[in-house]
């Protein structure tokens, strides 16, 4: 039983040692970022892992914190797109079709429902 428990713990730490940088579902293909406001990008990474983000021809760097998270704040940008964002660390993530513009969050009743194909 001791050998089983010891090998399980070793496997667990072995898997953690090769963890990849991960992003939340909100930071994904087709996202719209608010124009003229600082842009916050965050996710998860190993402590001390160097992370390089490239967006609109500029490079930003940070590293994973002790709590397993990372965070970057990009400067405010004008409306435009589509753009591509690349994150490089132990692994590489590319996000396509990013737009910068106005982000509206609406909620309400069923009368707010409108399918975009009807807008033609």
PDB file of N, CA and C in Angstrom:
ATOM      1  N   UNK A   1       0.829  -1.196   0.000  1.00  0.00           N
ATOM      2  CA  UNK A   1       0.000   0.000   0.000  1.00  0.00           C
ATOM      3  C   UNK A   1       0.872   1.259   0.000  1.00  0.00           C
ATOM      4  N   UNK A   2       1.973   1.248   0.762  1.00  0.00           N
ATOM      5  CA  UNK A   2       2.862   2.397   0.810  1.00  0.00           C
ATOM      6  C   UNK A   2       3.466   2.683  -0.553  1.00  0.00           C
ATOM      7  N   UNK A   3       3.864   1.622  -1.253  1.00  0.00           N
ATOM      8  CA  UNK A   3       4.462   1.789  -2.576  1.00  0.00           C
ATOM      9  C   UNK A   3       3.447   2.397  -3.548  1.00  0.00           C
ATOM     10  N   UNK A   4       2.201   1.936  -3.458  1.00  0.00           N
ATOM     11  CA  UNK A   4       1.155   2.473  -4.333  1.00  0.00           C
ATOM     12  C   UNK A   4       0.946   3.962  -4.074  1.00  0.00           C
ATOM     13  N   UNK A   5       0.848   4.319  -2.809  1.00  0.00           N
ATOM     14  CA  UNK A   5       0.633   5.721  -2.433  1.00  0.00           C
ATOM     15  C   UNK A   5       1.814   6.592  -2.866  1.00  0.00           C
ATOM     16  N   UNK A   6       3.022   6.100  -2.665  1.00  0.00           N
ATOM     17  CA  UNK A   6       4.219   6.839  -3.059  1.00  0.00           C
ATOM     18  C   UNK A   6       4.291   7.022  -4.568  1.00  0.00           C
ATOM     19  N   UNK A   7       3.971   5.992  -5.330  1.00  0.00           N
ATOM     20  CA  UNK A   7       4.002   6.121  -6.797  1.00  0.00           C
ATOM     21  C   UNK A   7       2.890   7.046  -7.287  1.00  0.00           C
ATOM     22  N   UNK A   8       1.736   7.047  -6.632  1.00  0.00           N
ATOM     23  CA  UNK A   8       0.648   7.957  -6.996  1.00  0.00           C
ATOM     24  C   UNK A   8       1.070   9.405  -6.776  1.00  0.00           C
ATOM     25  N   UNK A   9       1.706   9.681  -5.640  1.00  0.00           N
ATOM     26  CA  UNK A   9       2.167  11.043  -5.335  1.00  0.00           C
ATOM     27  C   UNK A   9       3.227  11.482  -6.342  1.00  0.00           C
ATOM     28  N   UNK A  10       4.154  10.599  -6.679  1.00  0.00           N
ATOM     29  CA  UNK A  10       5.176  10.924  -7.680  1.00  0.00           C
ATOM     30  C   UNK A  10       4.559  11.247  -9.032  1.00  0.00           C
ATOM     31  N   UNK A  11       3.577  10.465  -9.464  1.00  0.00           N
ATOM     32  CA  UNK A  11       2.901  10.733 -10.742  1.00  0.00           C
ATOM     33  C   UNK A  11       2.177  12.070 -10.713  1.00  0.00           C
ATOM     34  N   UNK A  12       1.532  12.371  -9.593  1.00  0.00           N
ATOM     35  CA  UNK A  12       0.805  13.625  -9.452  1.00  0.00           C
ATOM     36  C   UNK A  12       1.751  14.814  -9.613  1.00  0.00           C
ATOM     37  N   UNK A  13       2.885  14.791  -8.933  1.00  0.00           N
ATOM     38  CA  UNK A  13       3.841  15.890  -9.038  1.00  0.00           C
ATOM     39  C   UNK A  13       4.522  15.921 -10.401  1.00  0.00           C
ATOM     40  N   UNK A  14       4.695  14.771 -11.028  1.00  0.00           N
ATOM     41  CA  UNK A  14       5.264  14.714 -12.377  1.00  0.00           C
ATOM     42  C   UNK A  14       4.336  15.418 -13.363  1.00  0.00           C
ATOM     43  N   UNK A  15       3.045  15.168 -13.245  1.00  0.00           N
ATOM     44  CA  UNK A  15       2.057  15.815 -14.129  1.00  0.00           C
ATOM     45  C   UNK A  15       2.050  17.323 -13.880  1.00  0.00           C
ATOM     46  N   UNK A  16       2.097  17.755 -12.626  1.00  0.00           N
ATOM     47  CA  UNK A  16       2.101  19.189 -12.318  1.00  0.00           C
ATOM     48  C   UNK A  16       3.342  19.881 -12.859  1.00  0.00           C
ATOM     49  N   UNK A  17       4.447  19.168 -12.925  1.00  0.00           N
ATOM     50  CA  UNK A  17       5.696  19.770 -13.393  1.00  0.00           C
ATOM     51  C   UNK A  17       5.619  20.138 -14.871  1.00  0.00           C
ATOM     52  N   UNK A  18       4.704  19.539 -15.614  1.00  0.00           N
ATOM     53  CA  UNK A  18       4.576  19.810 -17.045  1.00  0.00           C
ATOM     54  C   UNK A  18       3.245  20.483 -17.376  1.00  0.00           C
ATOM     55  N   UNK A  19       2.729  21.274 -16.458  1.00  0.00           N
ATOM     56  CA  UNK A  19       1.469  21.977 -16.692  1.00  0.00           C
ATOM     57  C   UNK A  19       1.655  23.051 -17.761  1.00  0.00           C
ATOM     58  N   UNK A  20       0.648  23.240 -18.585  1.00  0.00           N
ATOM     59  CA  UNK A  20       0.681  24.238 -19.651  1.00  0.00           C
ATOM     60  C   UNK A  20      -0.004  25.520 -19.193  1.00  0.00           C
ATOM     61  N   UNK A  21       0.359  26.618 -19.848  1.00  0.00           N
ATOM     62  CA  UNK A  21      -0.345  27.882 -19.630  1.00  0.00           C
ATOM     63  C   UNK A  21      -1.769  27.690 -20.133  1.00  0.00           C
ATOM     64  N   UNK A  22      -2.741  28.157 -19.355  1.00  0.00           N
ATOM     65  CA  UNK A  22      -4.159  28.032 -19.716  1.00  0.00           C
ATOM     66  C   UNK A  22      -4.823  29.391 -19.595  1.00  0.00           C
ATOM     67  N   UNK A  23      -5.845  29.601 -20.419  1.00  0.00           N
ATOM     68  CA  UNK A  23      -6.612  30.842 -20.412  1.00  0.00           C
ATOM     69  C   UNK A  23      -8.065  30.545 -20.054  1.00  0.00           C
ATOM     70  N   UNK A  24      -8.780  31.516 -19.476  1.00  0.00           N
ATOM     71  CA  UNK A  24     -10.206  31.317 -19.214  1.00  0.00           C
ATOM     72  C   UNK A  24     -10.986  31.315 -20.527  1.00  0.00           C
ATOM     73  N   UNK A  25     -12.200  30.798 -20.499  1.00  0.00           N
ATOM     74  CA  UNK A  25     -13.031  30.707 -21.697  1.00  0.00           C
ATOM     75  C   UNK A  25     -13.309  32.076 -22.320  1.00  0.00           C
ATOM     76  N   UNK A  26     -13.321  33.131 -21.522  1.00  0.00           N
ATOM     77  CA  UNK A  26     -13.580  34.475 -22.053  1.00  0.00           C
ATOM     78  C   UNK A  26     -12.471  34.962 -22.984  1.00  0.00           C
ATOM     79  N   UNK A  27     -11.257  34.510 -22.753  1.00  0.00           N
ATOM     80  CA  UNK A  27     -10.119  34.913 -23.580  1.00  0.00           C
ATOM     81  C   UNK A  27      -9.981  33.851 -24.663  1.00  0.00           C
ATOM     82  N   UNK A  28     -10.666  34.079 -25.789  1.00  0.00           N
ATOM     83  CA  UNK A  28     -10.734  33.044 -26.821  1.00  0.00           C
ATOM     84  C   UNK A  28     -10.969  33.656 -28.205  1.00  0.00           C
ATOM     85  N   UNK A  29     -10.971  32.800 -29.203  1.00  0.00           N
ATOM     86  CA  UNK A  29     -11.180  33.212 -30.591  1.00  0.00           C
ATOM     87  C   UNK A  29     -12.502  33.975 -30.716  1.00  0.00           C
ATOM     88  N   UNK A  30     -12.458  35.082 -31.455  1.00  0.00           N
ATOM     89  CA  UNK A  30     -13.669  35.858 -31.702  1.00  0.00           C
ATOM     90  C   UNK A  30     -14.045  36.822 -30.582  1.00  0.00           C
ATOM     91  N   UNK A  31     -13.186  37.007 -29.591  1.00  0.00           N
ATOM     92  CA  UNK A  31     -13.553  37.905 -28.492  1.00  0.00           C
ATOM     93  C   UNK A  31     -13.510  39.363 -28.948  1.00  0.00           C
ATOM     94  N   UNK A  32     -14.269  40.184 -28.257  1.00  0.00           N
ATOM     95  CA  UNK A  32     -14.280  41.629 -28.494  1.00  0.00           C
ATOM     96  C   UNK A  32     -13.773  42.289 -27.227  1.00  0.00           C
ATOM     97  N   UNK A  33     -12.747  43.114 -27.367  1.00  0.00           N
ATOM     98  CA  UNK A  33     -12.163  43.835 -26.239  1.00  0.00           C
ATOM     99  C   UNK A  33     -12.634  45.280 -26.265  1.00  0.00           C
ATOM    100  N   UNK A  34     -12.911  45.846 -25.115  1.00  0.00           N
ATOM    101  CA  UNK A  34     -13.430  47.219 -25.024  1.00  0.00           C
ATOM    102  C   UNK A  34     -12.375  48.228 -25.475  1.00  0.00           C
ATOM    103  N   UNK A  35     -12.758  49.094 -26.404  1.00  0.00           N
ATOM    104  CA  UNK A  35     -11.837  50.130 -26.893  1.00  0.00           C
ATOM    105  C   UNK A  35     -11.623  51.197 -25.833  1.00  0.00           C
ATOM    106  N   UNK A  36     -10.485  51.874 -25.935  1.00  0.00           N
ATOM    107  CA  UNK A  36     -10.131  53.009 -25.074  1.00  0.00           C
ATOM    108  C   UNK A  36     -10.119  52.691 -23.580  1.00  0.00           C
ATOM    109  N   UNK A  37      -9.954  51.420 -23.227  1.00  0.00           N
ATOM    110  CA  UNK A  37      -9.828  50.982 -21.829  1.00  0.00           C
ATOM    111  C   UNK A  37      -8.652  50.017 -21.741  1.00  0.00           C
ATOM    112  N   UNK A  38      -7.923  50.011 -20.634  1.00  0.00           N
ATOM    113  CA  UNK A  38      -6.853  49.019 -20.481  1.00  0.00           C
ATOM    114  C   UNK A  38      -7.404  47.602 -20.644  1.00  0.00           C
ATOM    115  N   UNK A  39      -6.631  46.730 -21.246  1.00  0.00           N
ATOM    116  CA  UNK A  39      -7.067  45.366 -21.553  1.00  0.00           C
ATOM    117  C   UNK A  39      -6.393  44.404 -20.579  1.00  0.00           C
ATOM    118  N   UNK A  40      -7.201  43.670 -19.838  1.00  0.00           N
ATOM    119  CA  UNK A  40      -6.702  42.740 -18.826  1.00  0.00           C
ATOM    120  C   UNK A  40      -6.738  41.316 -19.385  1.00  0.00           C
ATOM    121  N   UNK A  41      -5.578  40.668 -19.449  1.00  0.00           N
ATOM    122  CA  UNK A  41      -5.465  39.272 -19.881  1.00  0.00           C
ATOM    123  C   UNK A  41      -4.925  38.484 -18.701  1.00  0.00           C
ATOM    124  N   UNK A  42      -5.562  37.355 -18.381  1.00  0.00           N
ATOM    125  CA  UNK A  42      -5.151  36.568 -17.231  1.00  0.00           C
ATOM    126  C   UNK A  42      -5.289  35.082 -17.553  1.00  0.00           C
ATOM    127  N   UNK A  43      -4.736  34.276 -16.680  1.00  0.00           N
ATOM    128  CA  UNK A  43      -4.810  32.836 -16.855  1.00  0.00           C
ATOM    129  C   UNK A  43      -4.029  32.120 -15.778  1.00  0.00           C
ATOM    130  N   UNK A  44      -3.649  30.871 -16.078  1.00  0.00           N
ATOM    131  CA  UNK A  44      -2.955  30.032 -15.115  1.00  0.00           C
ATOM    132  C   UNK A  44      -1.633  29.557 -15.692  1.00  0.00           C
ATOM    133  N   UNK A  45      -0.616  29.505 -14.854  1.00  0.00           N
ATOM    134  CA  UNK A  45       0.723  29.069 -15.262  1.00  0.00           C
ATOM    135  C   UNK A  45       1.486  28.605 -14.031  1.00  0.00           C
ATOM    136  N   UNK A  46       2.550  27.878 -14.268  1.00  0.00           N
ATOM    137  CA  UNK A  46       3.408  27.444 -13.166  1.00  0.00           C
ATOM    138  C   UNK A  46       4.094  28.650 -12.528  1.00  0.00           C
ATOM    139  N   UNK A  47       4.380  28.551 -11.256  1.00  0.00           N
ATOM    140  CA  UNK A  47       5.096  29.622 -10.552  1.00  0.00           C
ATOM    141  C   UNK A  47       6.454  29.844 -11.209  1.00  0.00           C
ATOM    142  N   UNK A  48       6.756  31.094 -11.535  1.00  0.00           N
ATOM    143  CA  UNK A  48       8.032  31.456 -12.142  1.00  0.00           C
ATOM    144  C   UNK A  48       8.131  31.217 -13.638  1.00  0.00           C
ATOM    145  N   UNK A  49       7.107  30.642 -14.250  1.00  0.00           N
ATOM    146  CA  UNK A  49       7.133  30.388 -15.693  1.00  0.00           C
ATOM    147  C   UNK A  49       7.075  31.712 -16.459  1.00  0.00           C
ATOM    148  N   UNK A  50       7.986  31.910 -17.383  1.00  0.00           N
ATOM    149  CA  UNK A  50       8.035  33.130 -18.183  1.00  0.00           C
ATOM    150  C   UNK A  50       6.980  33.057 -19.286  1.00  0.00           C
ATOM    151  N   UNK A  51       6.160  34.099 -19.402  1.00  0.00           N
ATOM    152  CA  UNK A  51       5.080  34.153 -20.384  1.00  0.00           C
ATOM    153  C   UNK A  51       5.279  35.391 -21.239  1.00  0.00           C
ATOM    154  N   UNK A  52       5.245  35.199 -22.556  1.00  0.00           N
ATOM    155  CA  UNK A  52       5.377  36.291 -23.511  1.00  0.00           C
ATOM    156  C   UNK A  52       4.089  36.386 -24.317  1.00  0.00           C
ATOM    157  N   UNK A  53       3.493  37.571 -24.344  1.00  0.00           N
ATOM    158  CA  UNK A  53       2.267  37.817 -25.103  1.00  0.00           C
ATOM    159  C   UNK A  53       2.595  38.803 -26.215  1.00  0.00           C
ATOM    160  N   UNK A  54       2.210  38.478 -27.443  1.00  0.00           N
ATOM    161  CA  UNK A  54       2.398  39.370 -28.582  1.00  0.00           C
ATOM    162  C   UNK A  54       1.031  39.740 -29.133  1.00  0.00           C
ATOM    163  N   UNK A  55       0.786  41.061 -29.258  1.00  0.00           N
ATOM    164  CA  UNK A  55      -0.506  41.552 -29.744  1.00  0.00           C
ATOM    165  C   UNK A  55      -0.288  42.879 -30.460  1.00  0.00           C
ATOM    166  N   UNK A  56      -0.772  42.975 -31.673  1.00  0.00           N
ATOM    167  CA  UNK A  56      -0.666  44.185 -32.488  1.00  0.00           C
ATOM    168  C   UNK A  56       0.781  44.672 -32.623  1.00  0.00           C
ATOM    169  N   UNK A  57       1.711  43.732 -32.827  1.00  0.00           N
ATOM    170  CA  UNK A  57       3.099  44.078 -33.060  1.00  0.00           C
ATOM    171  C   UNK A  57       3.903  44.445 -31.825  1.00  0.00           C
ATOM    172  N   UNK A  58       3.308  44.364 -30.653  1.00  0.00           N
ATOM    173  CA  UNK A  58       4.030  44.675 -29.415  1.00  0.00           C
ATOM    174  C   UNK A  58       4.101  43.430 -28.544  1.00  0.00           C
ATOM    175  N   UNK A  59       5.173  43.365 -27.753  1.00  0.00           N
ATOM    176  CA  UNK A  59       5.401  42.204 -26.892  1.00  0.00           C
ATOM    177  C   UNK A  59       5.338  42.627 -25.431  1.00  0.00           C
ATOM    178  N   UNK A  60       4.653  41.800 -24.639  1.00  0.00           N
ATOM    179  CA  UNK A  60       4.496  42.036 -23.205  1.00  0.00           C
ATOM    180  C   UNK A  60       4.952  40.772 -22.484  1.00  0.00           C
ATOM    181  N   UNK A  61       5.554  40.929 -21.303  1.00  0.00           N
ATOM    182  CA  UNK A  61       6.050  39.773 -20.570  1.00  0.00           C
ATOM    183  C   UNK A  61       5.605  39.800 -19.122  1.00  0.00           C
ATOM    184  N   UNK A  62       5.412  38.603 -18.592  1.00  0.00           N
ATOM    185  CA  UNK A  62       5.102  38.421 -17.176  1.00  0.00           C
ATOM    186  C   UNK A  62       5.573  37.033 -16.785  1.00  0.00           C
ATOM    187  N   UNK A  63       5.296  36.651 -15.560  1.00  0.00           N
ATOM    188  CA  UNK A  63       5.629  35.295 -15.125  1.00  0.00           C
ATOM    189  C   UNK A  63       4.532  34.782 -14.211  1.00  0.00           C
ATOM    190  N   UNK A  64       4.447  33.457 -14.129  1.00  0.00           N
ATOM    191  CA  UNK A  64       3.463  32.831 -13.264  1.00  0.00           C
ATOM    192  C   UNK A  64       3.768  33.124 -11.800  1.00  0.00           C
ATOM    193  N   UNK A  65       2.737  33.397 -11.033  1.00  0.00           N
ATOM    194  CA  UNK A  65       2.884  33.711  -9.611  1.00  0.00           C
ATOM    195  C   UNK A  65       2.831  32.430  -8.780  1.00  0.00           C
ATOM    196  N   UNK A  66       3.133  32.533  -7.517  1.00  0.00           N
ATOM    197  CA  UNK A  66       3.161  31.385  -6.613  1.00  0.00           C
ATOM    198  C   UNK A  66       1.797  30.708  -6.493  1.00  0.00           C
ATOM    199  N   UNK A  67       0.707  31.480  -6.693  1.00  0.00           N
ATOM    200  CA  UNK A  67      -0.638  30.907  -6.583  1.00  0.00           C
ATOM    201  C   UNK A  67      -1.095  30.226  -7.873  1.00  0.00           C
ATOM    202  N   UNK A  68      -0.218  30.142  -8.895  1.00  0.00           N
ATOM    203  CA  UNK A  68      -0.559  29.454 -10.138  1.00  0.00           C
ATOM    204  C   UNK A  68      -1.282  30.314 -11.152  1.00  0.00           C
ATOM    205  N   UNK A  69      -1.287  31.621 -10.970  1.00  0.00           N
ATOM    206  CA  UNK A  69      -1.977  32.527 -11.889  1.00  0.00           C
ATOM    207  C   UNK A  69      -0.984  33.489 -12.527  1.00  0.00           C
ATOM    208  N   UNK A  70      -1.400  34.094 -13.642  1.00  0.00           N
ATOM    209  CA  UNK A  70      -0.635  35.186 -14.229  1.00  0.00           C
ATOM    210  C   UNK A  70      -1.610  36.251 -14.697  1.00  0.00           C
ATOM    211  N   UNK A  71      -1.102  37.463 -14.865  1.00  0.00           N
ATOM    212  CA  UNK A  71      -1.950  38.578 -15.258  1.00  0.00           C
ATOM    213  C   UNK A  71      -1.117  39.608 -16.019  1.00  0.00           C
ATOM    214  N   UNK A  72      -1.718  40.180 -17.057  1.00  0.00           N
ATOM    215  CA  UNK A  72      -1.096  41.248 -17.839  1.00  0.00           C
ATOM    216  C   UNK A  72      -2.136  42.327 -18.101  1.00  0.00           C
ATOM    217  N   UNK A  73      -1.722  43.574 -18.083  1.00  0.00           N
ATOM    218  CA  UNK A  73      -2.614  44.662 -18.462  1.00  0.00           C
ATOM    219  C   UNK A  73      -1.990  45.378 -19.644  1.00  0.00           C
ATOM    220  N   UNK A  74      -2.676  45.326 -20.782  1.00  0.00           N
ATOM    221  CA  UNK A  74      -2.232  45.989 -22.001  1.00  0.00           C
ATOM    222  C   UNK A  74      -2.809  47.402 -22.010  1.00  0.00           C
ATOM    223  N   UNK A  75      -2.155  48.330 -22.684  1.00  0.00           N
ATOM    224  CA  UNK A  75      -2.671  49.705 -22.720  1.00  0.00           C
ATOM    225  C   UNK A  75      -3.988  49.797 -23.498  1.00  0.00           C
ATOM    226  N   UNK A  76      -4.712  50.871 -23.272  1.00  0.00           N
ATOM    227  CA  UNK A  76      -5.948  51.126 -24.007  1.00  0.00           C
ATOM    228  C   UNK A  76      -5.646  51.235 -25.498  1.00  0.00           C
ATOM    229  N   UNK A  77      -6.561  50.733 -26.332  1.00  0.00           N
ATOM    230  CA  UNK A  77      -6.350  50.734 -27.785  1.00  0.00           C
ATOM    231  C   UNK A  77      -7.597  51.227 -28.499  1.00  0.00           C
ATOM    232  N   UNK A  78      -7.395  51.744 -29.696  1.00  0.00           N
ATOM    233  CA  UNK A  78      -8.502  52.214 -30.530  1.00  0.00           C
ATOM    234  C   UNK A  78      -9.226  51.030 -31.172  1.00  0.00           C
ATOM    235  N   UNK A  79     -10.446  51.269 -31.641  1.00  0.00           N
ATOM    236  CA  UNK A  79     -11.241  50.230 -32.294  1.00  0.00           C
ATOM    237  C   UNK A  79     -10.543  49.738 -33.556  1.00  0.00           C
ATOM    238  N   UNK A  80     -10.706  48.453 -33.839  1.00  0.00           N
ATOM    239  CA  UNK A  80     -10.133  47.872 -35.047  1.00  0.00           C
ATOM    240  C   UNK A  80     -10.090  46.362 -34.971  1.00  0.00           C
ATOM    241  N   UNK A  81      -9.499  45.779 -35.990  1.00  0.00           N
ATOM    242  CA  UNK A  81      -9.344  44.335 -36.020  1.00  0.00           C
ATOM    243  C   UNK A  81      -9.672  43.791 -37.385  1.00  0.00           C
ATOM    244  N   UNK A  82      -9.647  42.523 -37.595  1.00  0.00           N
ATOM    245  CA  UNK A  82      -9.341  41.491 -36.604  1.00  0.00           C
ATOM    246  C   UNK A  82      -7.841  41.374 -36.374  1.00  0.00           C
ATOM    247  N   UNK A  83      -7.503  41.007 -35.139  1.00  0.00           N
ATOM    248  CA  UNK A  83      -6.116  40.855 -34.721  1.00  0.00           C
ATOM    249  C   UNK A  83      -5.862  39.428 -34.261  1.00  0.00           C
ATOM    250  N   UNK A  84      -4.581  39.143 -34.051  1.00  0.00           N
ATOM    251  CA  UNK A  84      -4.167  37.843 -33.535  1.00  0.00           C
ATOM    252  C   UNK A  84      -3.325  38.068 -32.286  1.00  0.00           C
ATOM    253  N   UNK A  85      -3.518  37.222 -31.278  1.00  0.00           N
ATOM    254  CA  UNK A  85      -2.756  37.285 -30.037  1.00  0.00           C
ATOM    255  C   UNK A  85      -2.027  35.952 -29.861  1.00  0.00           C
ATOM    256  N   UNK A  86      -0.757  36.040 -29.477  1.00  0.00           N
ATOM    257  CA  UNK A  86       0.023  34.827 -29.235  1.00  0.00           C
ATOM    258  C   UNK A  86       0.598  34.860 -27.830  1.00  0.00           C
ATOM    259  N   UNK A  87       0.440  33.755 -27.120  1.00  0.00           N
ATOM    260  CA  UNK A  87       1.070  33.571 -25.816  1.00  0.00           C
ATOM    261  C   UNK A  87       2.069  32.445 -25.946  1.00  0.00           C
ATOM    262  N   UNK A  88       3.279  32.671 -25.441  1.00  0.00           N
ATOM    263  CA  UNK A  88       4.316  31.645 -25.488  1.00  0.00           C
ATOM    264  C   UNK A  88       4.890  31.453 -24.100  1.00  0.00           C
ATOM    265  N   UNK A  89       4.961  30.206 -23.694  1.00  0.00           N
ATOM    266  CA  UNK A  89       5.597  29.798 -22.447  1.00  0.00           C
ATOM    267  C   UNK A  89       6.135  28.395 -22.709  1.00  0.00           C
ATOM    268  N   UNK A  90       5.833  27.441 -21.845  1.00  0.00           N
ATOM    269  CA  UNK A  90       6.194  26.050 -22.138  1.00  0.00           C
ATOM    270  C   UNK A  90       5.412  25.576 -23.359  1.00  0.00           C
ATOM    271  N   UNK A  91       4.202  26.058 -23.479  1.00  0.00           N
ATOM    272  CA  UNK A  91       3.361  25.784 -24.644  1.00  0.00           C
ATOM    273  C   UNK A  91       3.066  27.099 -25.349  1.00  0.00           C
ATOM    274  N   UNK A  92       2.371  27.032 -26.454  1.00  0.00           N
ATOM    275  CA  UNK A  92       2.050  28.226 -27.236  1.00  0.00           C
ATOM    276  C   UNK A  92       0.549  28.238 -27.530  1.00  0.00           C
ATOM    277  N   UNK A  93      -0.076  29.397 -27.370  1.00  0.00           N
ATOM    278  CA  UNK A  93      -1.508  29.566 -27.648  1.00  0.00           C
ATOM    279  C   UNK A  93      -1.662  30.715 -28.624  1.00  0.00           C
ATOM    280  N   UNK A  94      -2.431  30.506 -29.690  1.00  0.00           N
ATOM    281  CA  UNK A  94      -2.732  31.556 -30.660  1.00  0.00           C
ATOM    282  C   UNK A  94      -4.236  31.776 -30.673  1.00  0.00           C
ATOM    283  N   UNK A  95      -4.648  33.038 -30.539  1.00  0.00           N
ATOM    284  CA  UNK A  95      -6.067  33.403 -30.551  1.00  0.00           C
ATOM    285  C   UNK A  95      -6.292  34.298 -31.762  1.00  0.00           C
ATOM    286  N   UNK A  96      -7.199  33.897 -32.641  1.00  0.00           N
ATOM    287  CA  UNK A  96      -7.497  34.626 -33.873  1.00  0.00           C
ATOM    288  C   UNK A  96      -8.797  35.416 -33.761  1.00  0.00           C
ATOM    289  N   UNK A  97      -8.999  36.295 -34.725  1.00  0.00           N
ATOM    290  CA  UNK A  97     -10.262  37.041 -34.890  1.00  0.00           C
ATOM    291  C   UNK A  97     -10.640  37.871 -33.671  1.00  0.00           C
ATOM    292  N   UNK A  98      -9.685  38.590 -33.122  1.00  0.00           N
ATOM    293  CA  UNK A  98      -9.944  39.470 -31.982  1.00  0.00           C
ATOM    294  C   UNK A  98     -10.292  40.855 -32.507  1.00  0.00           C
ATOM    295  N   UNK A  99     -11.370  41.410 -32.013  1.00  0.00           N
ATOM    296  CA  UNK A  99     -11.785  42.761 -32.385  1.00  0.00           C
ATOM    297  C   UNK A  99     -11.676  43.669 -31.167  1.00  0.00           C
ATOM    298  N   UNK A 100     -11.423  44.942 -31.424  1.00  0.00           N
ATOM    299  CA  UNK A 100     -11.450  45.951 -30.372  1.00  0.00           C
ATOM    300  C   UNK A 100     -12.556  46.923 -30.748  1.00  0.00           C
ATOM    301  N   UNK A 101     -13.484  47.126 -29.836  1.00  0.00           N
ATOM    302  CA  UNK A 101     -14.632  47.986 -30.137  1.00  0.00           C
ATOM    303  C   UNK A 101     -15.454  48.210 -28.889  1.00  0.00           C
ATOM    304  N   UNK A 102     -16.729  48.422 -29.081  1.00  0.00           N
ATOM    305  CA  UNK A 102     -17.633  48.631 -27.956  1.00  0.00           C
ATOM    306  C   UNK A 102     -18.234  47.301 -27.533  1.00  0.00           C
ATOM    307  N   UNK A 103     -18.181  47.026 -26.245  1.00  0.00           N
ATOM    308  CA  UNK A 103     -18.748  45.803 -25.684  1.00  0.00           C
ATOM    309  C   UNK A 103     -20.000  46.188 -24.915  1.00  0.00           C
ATOM    310  N   UNK A 104     -21.109  45.577 -25.286  1.00  0.00           N
ATOM    311  CA  UNK A 104     -22.379  45.836 -24.629  1.00  0.00           C
ATOM    312  C   UNK A 104     -22.837  44.564 -23.930  1.00  0.00           C
ATOM    313  N   UNK A 105     -23.246  44.696 -22.692  1.00  0.00           N
ATOM    314  CA  UNK A 105     -23.808  43.570 -21.959  1.00  0.00           C
ATOM    315  C   UNK A 105     -25.256  43.934 -21.658  1.00  0.00           C
ATOM    316  N   UNK A 106     -26.162  43.136 -22.188  1.00  0.00           N
ATOM    317  CA  UNK A 106     -27.591  43.411 -22.013  1.00  0.00           C
ATOM    318  C   UNK A 106     -28.263  42.220 -21.349  1.00  0.00           C
ATOM    319  N   UNK A 107     -29.265  42.501 -20.576  1.00  0.00           N
ATOM    320  CA  UNK A 107     -30.074  41.435 -20.005  1.00  0.00           C
ATOM    321  C   UNK A 107     -31.496  41.950 -19.897  1.00  0.00           C
ATOM    322  N   UNK A 108     -32.396  41.046 -19.821  1.00  0.00           N
ATOM    323  CA  UNK A 108     -33.786  41.477 -19.726  1.00  0.00           C
ATOM    324  C   UNK A 108     -34.730  40.348 -20.024  1.00  0.00           C
ATOM    325  N   UNK A 109     -35.859  40.713 -20.604  1.00  0.00           N
ATOM    326  CA  UNK A 109     -36.905  39.742 -20.857  1.00  0.00           C
ATOM    327  C   UNK A 109     -36.801  39.199 -22.272  1.00  0.00           C
ATOM    328  N   UNK A 110     -37.730  38.372 -22.635  1.00  0.00           N
ATOM    329  CA  UNK A 110     -37.701  37.712 -23.938  1.00  0.00           C
ATOM    330  C   UNK A 110     -37.815  38.712 -25.094  1.00  0.00           C
ATOM    331  N   UNK A 111     -38.302  39.929 -24.855  1.00  0.00           N
ATOM    332  CA  UNK A 111     -38.415  40.907 -25.928  1.00  0.00           C
ATOM    333  C   UNK A 111     -37.056  41.448 -26.351  1.00  0.00           C
ATOM    334  N   UNK A 112     -35.992  41.107 -25.638  1.00  0.00           N
ATOM    335  CA  UNK A 112     -34.639  41.530 -26.019  1.00  0.00           C
ATOM    336  C   UNK A 112     -34.000  40.532 -26.977  1.00  0.00           C
ATOM    337  N   UNK A 113     -34.635  39.401 -27.198  1.00  0.00           N
ATOM    338  CA  UNK A 113     -34.065  38.376 -28.066  1.00  0.00           C
ATOM    339  C   UNK A 113     -34.230  38.790 -29.532  1.00  0.00           C
ATOM    340  N   UNK A 114     -33.135  38.785 -30.265  1.00  0.00           N
ATOM    341  CA  UNK A 114     -33.166  39.137 -31.684  1.00  0.00           C
ATOM    342  C   UNK A 114     -32.057  38.376 -32.382  1.00  0.00           C
ATOM    343  N   UNK A 115     -32.417  37.555 -33.349  1.00  0.00           N
ATOM    344  CA  UNK A 115     -31.434  36.767 -34.067  1.00  0.00           C
ATOM    345  C   UNK A 115     -30.802  37.614 -35.158  1.00  0.00           C
ATOM    346  N   UNK A 116     -29.478  37.562 -35.270  1.00  0.00           N
ATOM    347  CA  UNK A 116     -28.737  38.434 -36.167  1.00  0.00           C
ATOM    348  C   UNK A 116     -29.086  38.216 -37.649  1.00  0.00           C
ATOM    349  N   UNK A 117     -29.470  36.999 -38.029  1.00  0.00           N
ATOM    350  CA  UNK A 117     -29.796  36.776 -39.445  1.00  0.00           C
ATOM    351  C   UNK A 117     -31.037  37.558 -39.863  1.00  0.00           C
ATOM    352  N   UNK A 118     -31.836  38.025 -38.911  1.00  0.00           N
ATOM    353  CA  UNK A 118     -33.019  38.827 -39.219  1.00  0.00           C
ATOM    354  C   UNK A 118     -32.654  40.298 -39.465  1.00  0.00           C
ATOM    355  N   UNK A 119     -31.404  40.679 -39.244  1.00  0.00           N
ATOM    356  CA  UNK A 119     -30.988  42.064 -39.392  1.00  0.00           C
ATOM    357  C   UNK A 119     -30.631  42.437 -40.824  1.00  0.00           C
ATOM    358  N   UNK A 120     -30.793  41.545 -41.765  1.00  0.00           N
ATOM    359  CA  UNK A 120     -30.397  41.803 -43.157  1.00  0.00           C
ATOM    360  C   UNK A 120     -31.311  42.781 -43.831  1.00  0.00           C
TER     361      UNK A 120
END
